[in-house]
C-alpha atoms as a PDB file:
ATOM      1  CA  MET A   1       5.343  -8.795   8.935  1.00  0.00           C
ATOM      2  CA  LEU A   2       4.662  -5.140   8.195  1.00  0.00           C
ATOM      3  CA  ASP A   3       4.679  -2.869  11.204  1.00  0.00           C
ATOM      4  CA  GLN A   4       1.327  -1.295  10.478  1.00  0.00           C
ATOM      5  CA  ARG A   5       1.431   0.903  13.583  1.00  0.00           C
ATOM      6  CA  GLN A   6       4.393   2.898  12.287  1.00  0.00           C
ATOM      7  CA  VAL A   7       3.942   2.826   8.532  1.00  0.00           C
ATOM      8  CA  LEU A   8       0.178   3.077   8.397  1.00  0.00           C
ATOM      9  CA  SER A   9      -0.690   5.141  11.446  1.00  0.00           C
ATOM     10  CA  PRO A  10      -3.709   7.359  10.783  1.00  0.00           C
ATOM     11  CA  GLY A  11      -1.808  10.471  11.853  1.00  0.00           C
ATOM     12  CA  ARG A  12       0.991   9.971   9.350  1.00  0.00           C
ATOM     13  CA  ASN A  13       0.797  12.471   6.523  1.00  0.00           C
ATOM     14  CA  LEU A  14       1.597  10.679   3.247  1.00  0.00           C
ATOM     15  CA  SER A  15       0.654  13.555   1.000  1.00  0.00           C
ATOM     16  CA  PRO A  16       1.568  17.215   0.635  1.00  0.00           C
ATOM     17  CA  ARG A  17      -1.809  18.282   2.055  1.00  0.00           C
ATOM     18  CA  PRO A  18      -1.853  20.633   5.043  1.00  0.00           C
ATOM     19  CA  SER A  19      -1.658  18.928   8.421  1.00  0.00           C
ATOM     20  CA  GLY A  20      -5.006  18.288  10.044  1.00  0.00           C
ATOM     21  CA  TYR A  21      -6.601  17.382   6.719  1.00  0.00           C
ATOM     22  CA  GLU A  22      -8.606  14.172   7.121  1.00  0.00           C
ATOM     23  CA  SER A  23      -8.097  12.223   3.924  1.00  0.00           C
ATOM     24  CA  LYS A  24     -10.056   9.354   2.452  1.00  0.00           C
ATOM     25  CA  ASP A  25      -6.826   7.349   2.699  1.00  0.00           C
ATOM     26  CA  HIS A  26      -7.428   7.071   6.445  1.00  0.00           C
ATOM     27  CA  LEU A  27     -10.694   5.269   5.667  1.00  0.00           C
ATOM     28  CA  PHE A  28      -8.761   2.967   3.334  1.00  0.00           C
ATOM     29  CA  ARG A  29      -6.585   1.831   6.239  1.00  0.00           C
ATOM     30  CA  LEU A  30      -9.634   1.253   8.418  1.00  0.00           C
ATOM     31  CA  LEU A  31     -10.908  -1.084   5.683  1.00  0.00           C
ATOM     32  CA  GLY A  32      -7.556  -2.868   5.462  1.00  0.00           C
ATOM     33  CA  LEU A  33      -6.535  -1.235   2.178  1.00  0.00           C
ATOM     34  CA  LEU A  34      -3.504   0.743   1.023  1.00  0.00           C
ATOM     35  CA  THR A  35      -3.146   3.274  -1.745  1.00  0.00           C
ATOM     36  CA  LEU A  36      -0.517   2.692  -4.415  1.00  0.00           C
ATOM     37  CA  LYS A  37       1.638   5.412  -2.854  1.00  0.00           C
ATOM     38  CA  GLU A  38       1.447   3.691   0.542  1.00  0.00           C
ATOM     39  CA  VAL A  39       2.330   0.327  -1.010  1.00  0.00           C
ATOM     40  CA  SER A  40       5.343   2.006  -2.591  1.00  0.00           C
ATOM     41  CA  LEU A  41       6.421   3.396   0.792  1.00  0.00           C
ATOM     42  CA  VAL A  42       5.892   0.089   2.615  1.00  0.00           C
ATOM     43  CA  THR A  43       7.698  -2.073   0.062  1.00  0.00           C
ATOM     44  CA  THR A  44      10.339   0.544  -0.892  1.00  0.00           C
ATOM     45  CA  LEU A  45       9.515  -0.197  -4.541  1.00  0.00           C
ATOM     46  CA  SER A  46       8.773   2.564  -7.003  1.00  0.00           C
ATOM     47  CA  VAL A  47       5.281   2.898  -8.406  1.00  0.00           C
ATOM     48  CA  THR A  48       6.675   1.963 -11.830  1.00  0.00           C
ATOM     49  CA  THR A  49       8.256  -1.226 -10.464  1.00  0.00           C
ATOM     50  CA  ILE A  50       4.987  -2.203  -8.784  1.00  0.00           C
ATOM     51  CA  TRP A  51       3.107  -1.815 -12.088  1.00  0.00           C
ATOM     52  CA  ARG A  52       5.775  -3.823 -13.927  1.00  0.00           C
ATOM     53  CA  LEU A  53       5.519  -6.632 -11.369  1.00  0.00           C
ATOM     54  CA  ARG A  54       1.720  -6.575 -11.669  1.00  0.00           C
ATOM     55  CA  ARG A  55       1.958  -6.988 -15.450  1.00  0.00           C
ATOM     56  CA  LYS A  56       4.151 -10.061 -14.884  1.00  0.00           C
ATOM     57  CA  MET A  57       1.585 -11.367 -12.348  1.00  0.00           C
ATOM     58  CA  ALA A  58       4.333 -11.195  -9.711  1.00  0.00           C
ATOM     59  CA  PHE A  59       2.603  -8.750  -7.359  1.00  0.00           C
ATOM     60  CA  PRO A  60      -0.777  -8.817  -5.602  1.00  0.00           C
ATOM     61  CA  GLU A  61      -3.692  -7.481  -7.624  1.00  0.00           C
ATOM     62  CA  PRO A  62      -5.527  -4.497  -6.169  1.00  0.00           C
ATOM     63  CA  ALA A  63      -9.209  -4.359  -5.354  1.00  0.00           C
ATOM     64  CA  ILE A  64     -11.046  -2.222  -7.903  1.00  0.00           C
ATOM     65  CA  LEU A  65     -13.238   0.116  -5.886  1.00  0.00           C
ATOM     66  CA  SER A  66     -14.507   2.315  -8.715  1.00  0.00           C
ATOM     67  CA  ASP A  67     -13.504   3.354 -12.225  1.00  0.00           C
ATOM     68  CA  GLY A  68     -10.695   5.562 -10.920  1.00  0.00           C
ATOM     69  CA  ARG A  69      -9.877   4.099  -7.515  1.00  0.00           C
ATOM     70  CA  ILE A  70      -8.004   0.967  -6.468  1.00  0.00           C
ATOM     71  CA  GLY A  71      -6.771  -0.279  -3.130  1.00  0.00           C
ATOM     72  CA  PHE A  72      -4.294  -2.976  -2.197  1.00  0.00           C
ATOM     73  CA  ARG A  73      -5.255  -5.311   0.644  1.00  0.00           C
ATOM     74  CA  ILE A  74      -2.827  -5.008   3.537  1.00  0.00           C
ATOM     75  CA  SER A  75      -2.978  -8.778   4.057  1.00  0.00           C
ATOM     76  CA  ASP A  76      -1.989  -9.421   0.403  1.00  0.00           C
ATOM     77  CA  ILE A  77       0.975  -7.027   0.588  1.00  0.00           C
ATOM     78  CA  ASP A  78       2.034  -8.493   3.931  1.00  0.00           C
ATOM     79  CA  ALA A  79       1.929 -12.045   2.515  1.00  0.00           C
ATOM     80  CA  TRP A  80       3.866 -10.955  -0.593  1.00  0.00           C
ATOM     81  CA  VAL A  81       6.606  -9.313   1.503  1.00  0.00           C
ATOM     82  CA  ASN A  82       6.871 -12.370   3.767  1.00  0.00           C
ATOM     83  CA  ALA A  83       7.148 -14.695   0.746  1.00  0.00           C
ATOM     84  CA  ARG A  84      10.179 -12.804  -0.594  1.00  0.00           C
ATOM     85  CA  PRO A  85      13.485 -14.591  -0.039  1.00  0.00           C
ATOM     86  CA  SER A  86      15.524 -13.197   2.807  1.00  0.00           C
ATOM     87  CA  LYS A  87      19.122 -12.145   2.401  1.00  0.00           C
ATOM     88  CA  ARG A  88      21.528 -14.604   3.990  1.00  0.00           C
END
């Protein structure tokens, strides 16, 4: 299970914006959504790899919020990570 407290804490700055800047990404997390950049950080996959997996239908589909904005459901990413085989 993803440790949402550490990875997705509202105070964590995931962009090069000045500290103290309240981003819309914080609202995403309140709604249970992640940006593509956050999904990349959580899964340790590159953005390119995530898009390749999506094309193969091997990664959760994002929610389309508007013409230029998508968000990945935290629950979908969590389930996908937990379904991955573990190293023995």
